[in-house]
Amino acid sequence: MNINQKQEFRYQYAGMALQAMITAAWSNKETQSVIFEAAKRHGFSSLRDYLADEAVGFADALIAELDRKDKP
């Protein structure tokens, strides 16, 4: 996978992760509370910023794992 492909996949995977997290966050009040507390614990004043940061983290982790498994 070249650098342009990685960047494209990073955006795509981050968007998919963010979509899933937003869906989960608004699925019920208990989940919302857990996510809000996690955002505060990690020093985020905005839920948007926290979820975006987490989504990119998931995307990066997935790409790193795929790269690791591609190497002999």
Protein backbone atom coordinates (compact mmCIF):
# COMPACT_ATOMS: atom_id res chain seq x y z
CA MET A 1 0.00 0.00 0.00
CA ASN A 2 1.53 3.33 -1.00
CA ILE A 3 1.31 6.58 0.97
CA ASN A 4 -1.55 7.99 -1.13
CA GLN A 5 -3.57 4.81 -0.62
CA LYS A 6 -2.88 4.90 3.11
CA GLN A 7 -4.08 8.48 3.36
CA GLU A 8 -7.22 7.70 1.37
CA PHE A 9 -7.96 4.63 3.51
CA ARG A 10 -7.21 6.63 6.66
CA TYR A 11 -9.91 9.16 5.76
CA GLN A 12 -12.36 6.44 4.78
CA TYR A 13 -11.78 4.31 7.90
CA ALA A 14 -11.89 7.35 10.18
CA GLY A 15 -15.21 8.41 8.67
CA MET A 16 -16.63 4.93 9.12
CA ALA A 17 -15.44 4.77 12.73
CA LEU A 18 -16.87 8.22 13.46
CA GLN A 19 -20.21 7.25 11.97
CA ALA A 20 -20.34 4.14 14.17
CA MET A 21 -19.37 6.09 17.30
CA ILE A 22 -22.00 8.77 16.66
CA THR A 23 -24.64 6.09 16.16
CA ALA A 24 -23.58 4.37 19.39
CA ALA A 25 -23.40 7.66 21.31
CA TRP A 26 -26.98 8.52 20.48
CA SER A 27 -28.38 5.00 20.81
CA ASN A 28 -29.15 5.42 24.50
CA LYS A 29 -28.56 7.76 27.44
CA GLU A 30 -26.23 5.39 29.28
CA THR A 31 -23.85 5.19 26.30
CA GLN A 32 -23.94 8.98 25.94
CA SER A 33 -22.97 9.39 29.57
CA VAL A 34 -20.02 6.99 29.24
CA ILE A 35 -18.74 8.78 26.13
CA PHE A 36 -19.13 12.25 27.68
CA GLU A 37 -17.18 11.11 30.75
CA ALA A 38 -14.43 9.60 28.60
CA ALA A 39 -14.13 12.86 26.65
CA LYS A 40 -13.76 14.84 29.88
CA ARG A 41 -11.26 12.32 31.30
CA HIS A 42 -9.10 12.71 28.20
CA GLY A 43 -9.17 16.50 28.44
CA PHE A 44 -11.57 17.24 25.59
CA SER A 45 -14.03 20.09 26.06
CA SER A 46 -15.92 19.13 22.91
CA LEU A 47 -17.52 15.78 22.24
CA ARG A 48 -16.96 16.38 18.53
CA ASP A 49 -13.22 16.74 19.01
CA TYR A 50 -13.04 13.64 21.20
CA LEU A 51 -14.97 11.45 18.76
CA ALA A 52 -12.93 12.73 15.79
CA ASP A 53 -9.68 12.02 17.65
CA GLU A 54 -10.84 8.52 18.56
CA ALA A 55 -11.99 7.81 14.99
CA VAL A 56 -8.57 8.73 13.60
CA GLY A 57 -6.96 6.53 16.25
CA PHE A 58 -9.07 3.57 15.17
CA ALA A 59 -8.24 4.20 11.51
CA ASP A 60 -4.51 4.42 12.23
CA ALA A 61 -4.61 1.24 14.31
CA LEU A 62 -6.41 -0.65 11.55
CA ILE A 63 -3.94 0.50 8.90
CA ALA A 64 -0.98 -0.40 11.11
CA GLU A 65 -2.41 -3.86 11.74
CA LEU A 66 -3.07 -4.42 8.04
CA ASP A 67 0.50 -3.32 7.22
CA ARG A 68 1.88 -5.64 9.90
CA LYS A 69 -0.04 -8.62 8.53
CA ASP A 70 1.07 -7.85 4.95
CA LYS A 71 4.76 -8.16 5.86
CA PRO A 72 6.26 -11.65 5.67
